[in-house]
């Protein structure tokens, strides 16, 4: 279902408190990248 929501969106916003990104979220980020979606993060990525 998350991939369908990514397909419908223009952008995804990642809530990565303390820099943590879980495995399923990483998969969803990679999927969004393949679809050309803009990806924003609450905290900068190192």
PDB file of N, CA and C in Angstrom:
ATOM      1  N   UNK A   1       0.823  -1.191   0.000  1.00  0.00           N
ATOM      2  CA  UNK A   1       0.000   0.000   0.000  1.00  0.00           C
ATOM      3  C   UNK A   1       0.869   1.257   0.000  1.00  0.00           C
ATOM      4  N   UNK A   2       2.004   1.250   0.667  1.00  0.00           N
ATOM      5  CA  UNK A   2       2.851   2.432   0.707  1.00  0.00           C
ATOM      6  C   UNK A   2       3.344   2.806  -0.683  1.00  0.00           C
ATOM      7  N   UNK A   3       3.675   1.813  -1.486  1.00  0.00           N
ATOM      8  CA  UNK A   3       4.150   2.105  -2.844  1.00  0.00           C
ATOM      9  C   UNK A   3       3.047   2.748  -3.674  1.00  0.00           C
ATOM     10  N   UNK A   4       1.811   2.352  -3.474  1.00  0.00           N
ATOM     11  CA  UNK A   4       0.700   2.991  -4.174  1.00  0.00           C
ATOM     12  C   UNK A   4       0.574   4.452  -3.756  1.00  0.00           C
ATOM     13  N   UNK A   5       0.767   4.722  -2.475  1.00  0.00           N
ATOM     14  CA  UNK A   5       0.697   6.103  -1.993  1.00  0.00           C
ATOM     15  C   UNK A   5       1.853   6.922  -2.552  1.00  0.00           C
ATOM     16  N   UNK A   6       3.028   6.318  -2.670  1.00  0.00           N
ATOM     17  CA  UNK A   6       4.168   7.004  -3.282  1.00  0.00           C
ATOM     18  C   UNK A   6       3.836   7.333  -4.729  1.00  0.00           C
ATOM     19  N   UNK A   7       3.235   6.387  -5.442  1.00  0.00           N
ATOM     20  CA  UNK A   7       2.855   6.616  -6.838  1.00  0.00           C
ATOM     21  C   UNK A   7       1.912   7.808  -6.983  1.00  0.00           C
ATOM     22  N   UNK A   8       1.037   8.014  -6.015  1.00  0.00           N
ATOM     23  CA  UNK A   8       0.054   9.099  -6.073  1.00  0.00           C
ATOM     24  C   UNK A   8       0.623  10.443  -5.630  1.00  0.00           C
ATOM     25  N   UNK A   9       1.788  10.441  -5.014  1.00  0.00           N
ATOM     26  CA  UNK A   9       2.332  11.672  -4.443  1.00  0.00           C
ATOM     27  C   UNK A   9       3.319  12.361  -5.373  1.00  0.00           C
ATOM     28  N   UNK A  10       3.577  13.630  -5.079  1.00  0.00           N
ATOM     29  CA  UNK A  10       4.606  14.390  -5.783  1.00  0.00           C
ATOM     30  C   UNK A  10       5.932  14.327  -5.027  1.00  0.00           C
ATOM     31  N   UNK A  11       5.840  14.100  -3.726  1.00  0.00           N
ATOM     32  CA  UNK A  11       7.015  14.146  -2.851  1.00  0.00           C
ATOM     33  C   UNK A  11       6.782  13.228  -1.664  1.00  0.00           C
ATOM     34  N   UNK A  12       7.887  12.695  -1.109  1.00  0.00           N
ATOM     35  CA  UNK A  12       7.777  11.996   0.170  1.00  0.00           C
ATOM     36  C   UNK A  12       8.608  12.748   1.205  1.00  0.00           C
ATOM     37  N   UNK A  13       8.153  12.705   2.436  1.00  0.00           N
ATOM     38  CA  UNK A  13       8.809  13.393   3.538  1.00  0.00           C
ATOM     39  C   UNK A  13       9.195  12.340   4.570  1.00  0.00           C
ATOM     40  N   UNK A  14      10.491  12.182   4.794  1.00  0.00           N
ATOM     41  CA  UNK A  14      11.001  11.133   5.675  1.00  0.00           C
ATOM     42  C   UNK A  14      11.210  11.700   7.070  1.00  0.00           C
ATOM     43  N   UNK A  15      10.587  11.069   8.048  1.00  0.00           N
ATOM     44  CA  UNK A  15      10.746  11.453   9.452  1.00  0.00           C
ATOM     45  C   UNK A  15      11.894  10.613  10.003  1.00  0.00           C
ATOM     46  N   UNK A  16      13.090  11.178   9.991  1.00  0.00           N
ATOM     47  CA  UNK A  16      14.286  10.441  10.393  1.00  0.00           C
ATOM     48  C   UNK A  16      14.901  11.056  11.656  1.00  0.00           C
ATOM     49  N   UNK A  17      14.154  10.993  12.735  1.00  0.00           N
ATOM     50  CA  UNK A  17      14.590  11.548  14.014  1.00  0.00           C
ATOM     51  C   UNK A  17      15.890  10.870  14.446  1.00  0.00           C
ATOM     52  N   UNK A  18      16.863  11.678  14.796  1.00  0.00           N
ATOM     53  CA  UNK A  18      18.155  11.140  15.215  1.00  0.00           C
ATOM     54  C   UNK A  18      18.922  10.506  14.060  1.00  0.00           C
ATOM     55  N   UNK A  19      18.472  10.775  12.832  1.00  0.00           N
ATOM     56  CA  UNK A  19      19.142  10.231  11.659  1.00  0.00           C
ATOM     57  C   UNK A  19      18.766   8.797  11.332  1.00  0.00           C
ATOM     58  N   UNK A  20      17.877   8.200  12.117  1.00  0.00           N
ATOM     59  CA  UNK A  20      17.511   6.799  11.915  1.00  0.00           C
ATOM     60  C   UNK A  20      16.530   6.640  10.756  1.00  0.00           C
ATOM     61  N   UNK A  21      16.817   5.691   9.875  1.00  0.00           N
ATOM     62  CA  UNK A  21      15.897   5.304   8.807  1.00  0.00           C
ATOM     63  C   UNK A  21      15.836   3.784   8.802  1.00  0.00           C
ATOM     64  N   UNK A  22      14.651   3.246   9.032  1.00  0.00           N
ATOM     65  CA  UNK A  22      14.469   1.796   9.081  1.00  0.00           C
ATOM     66  C   UNK A  22      14.577   1.147   7.708  1.00  0.00           C
ATOM     67  N   UNK A  23      14.687  -0.167   7.714  1.00  0.00           N
ATOM     68  CA  UNK A  23      14.879  -0.910   6.464  1.00  0.00           C
ATOM     69  C   UNK A  23      13.710  -0.754   5.503  1.00  0.00           C
ATOM     70  N   UNK A  24      12.476  -0.820   5.991  1.00  0.00           N
ATOM     71  CA  UNK A  24      11.338  -0.683   5.073  1.00  0.00           C
ATOM     72  C   UNK A  24      11.265   0.731   4.509  1.00  0.00           C
ATOM     73  N   UNK A  25      11.624   1.713   5.323  1.00  0.00           N
ATOM     74  CA  UNK A  25      11.644   3.089   4.839  1.00  0.00           C
ATOM     75  C   UNK A  25      12.723   3.272   3.780  1.00  0.00           C
ATOM     76  N   UNK A  26      13.869   2.643   3.974  1.00  0.00           N
ATOM     77  CA  UNK A  26      14.929   2.707   2.954  1.00  0.00           C
ATOM     78  C   UNK A  26      14.434   2.147   1.628  1.00  0.00           C
ATOM     79  N   UNK A  27      13.702   1.054   1.700  1.00  0.00           N
ATOM     80  CA  UNK A  27      13.141   0.441   0.496  1.00  0.00           C
ATOM     81  C   UNK A  27      12.161   1.404  -0.183  1.00  0.00           C
ATOM     82  N   UNK A  28      11.342   2.070   0.615  1.00  0.00           N
ATOM     83  CA  UNK A  28      10.372   3.011   0.061  1.00  0.00           C
ATOM     84  C   UNK A  28      11.071   4.228  -0.547  1.00  0.00           C
ATOM     85  N   UNK A  29      12.153   4.681   0.064  1.00  0.00           N
ATOM     86  CA  UNK A  29      12.929   5.797  -0.486  1.00  0.00           C
ATOM     87  C   UNK A  29      13.510   5.404  -1.838  1.00  0.00           C
ATOM     88  N   UNK A  30      14.068   4.220  -1.925  1.00  0.00           N
ATOM     89  CA  UNK A  30      14.635   3.752  -3.196  1.00  0.00           C
ATOM     90  C   UNK A  30      13.552   3.644  -4.264  1.00  0.00           C
ATOM     91  N   UNK A  31      12.383   3.170  -3.880  1.00  0.00           N
ATOM     92  CA  UNK A  31      11.266   3.083  -4.815  1.00  0.00           C
ATOM     93  C   UNK A  31      10.879   4.477  -5.313  1.00  0.00           C
ATOM     94  N   UNK A  32      10.774   5.426  -4.390  1.00  0.00           N
ATOM     95  CA  UNK A  32      10.419   6.799  -4.762  1.00  0.00           C
ATOM     96  C   UNK A  32      11.454   7.395  -5.718  1.00  0.00           C
ATOM     97  N   UNK A  33      12.727   7.092  -5.489  1.00  0.00           N
ATOM     98  CA  UNK A  33      13.784   7.581  -6.387  1.00  0.00           C
ATOM     99  C   UNK A  33      13.586   7.048  -7.797  1.00  0.00           C
ATOM    100  N   UNK A  34      13.216   5.767  -7.916  1.00  0.00           N
ATOM    101  CA  UNK A  34      13.025   5.188  -9.251  1.00  0.00           C
ATOM    102  C   UNK A  34      11.843   5.831  -9.974  1.00  0.00           C
ATOM    103  N   UNK A  35      10.917   6.395  -9.208  1.00  0.00           N
ATOM    104  CA  UNK A  35       9.744   7.052  -9.783  1.00  0.00           C
ATOM    105  C   UNK A  35       9.962   8.544  -9.988  1.00  0.00           C
ATOM    106  N   UNK A  36      11.159   9.036  -9.635  1.00  0.00           N
ATOM    107  CA  UNK A  36      11.475  10.449  -9.826  1.00  0.00           C
ATOM    108  C   UNK A  36      10.800  11.378  -8.835  1.00  0.00           C
ATOM    109  N   UNK A  37      10.440  10.862  -7.679  1.00  0.00           N
ATOM    110  CA  UNK A  37       9.762  11.675  -6.664  1.00  0.00           C
ATOM    111  C   UNK A  37      10.775  12.507  -5.875  1.00  0.00           C
ATOM    112  N   UNK A  38      10.363  13.689  -5.473  1.00  0.00           N
ATOM    113  CA  UNK A  38      11.191  14.519  -4.608  1.00  0.00           C
ATOM    114  C   UNK A  38      11.176  13.884  -3.213  1.00  0.00           C
ATOM    115  N   UNK A  39      12.327  13.862  -2.555  1.00  0.00           N
ATOM    116  CA  UNK A  39      12.433  13.268  -1.221  1.00  0.00           C
ATOM    117  C   UNK A  39      13.014  14.306  -0.274  1.00  0.00           C
ATOM    118  N   UNK A  40      12.287  14.591   0.798  1.00  0.00           N
ATOM    119  CA  UNK A  40      12.738  15.526   1.820  1.00  0.00           C
ATOM    120  C   UNK A  40      12.866  14.786   3.142  1.00  0.00           C
ATOM    121  N   UNK A  41      13.770  15.255   3.975  1.00  0.00           N
ATOM    122  CA  UNK A  41      14.035  14.621   5.268  1.00  0.00           C
ATOM    123  C   UNK A  41      13.887  15.649   6.380  1.00  0.00           C
ATOM    124  N   UNK A  42      13.393  15.216   7.540  1.00  0.00           N
ATOM    125  CA  UNK A  42      13.257  16.125   8.671  1.00  0.00           C
ATOM    126  C   UNK A  42      14.656  16.525   9.203  1.00  0.00           C
ATOM    127  N   UNK A  43      15.595  15.595   9.159  1.00  0.00           N
ATOM    128  CA  UNK A  43      16.979  15.879   9.548  1.00  0.00           C
ATOM    129  C   UNK A  43      17.875  15.579   8.365  1.00  0.00           C
ATOM    130  N   UNK A  44      18.956  16.345   8.238  1.00  0.00           N
ATOM    131  CA  UNK A  44      19.849  16.140   7.103  1.00  0.00           C
ATOM    132  C   UNK A  44      20.494  14.767   7.166  1.00  0.00           C
ATOM    133  N   UNK A  45      20.819  14.261   5.991  1.00  0.00           N
ATOM    134  CA  UNK A  45      21.438  12.944   5.861  1.00  0.00           C
ATOM    135  C   UNK A  45      22.945  13.119   5.867  1.00  0.00           C
ATOM    136  N   UNK A  46      23.620  12.230   6.572  1.00  0.00           N
ATOM    137  CA  UNK A  46      25.082  12.310   6.651  1.00  0.00           C
ATOM    138  C   UNK A  46      25.728  11.544   5.546  1.00  0.00           C
TER     139      UNK A  46
END
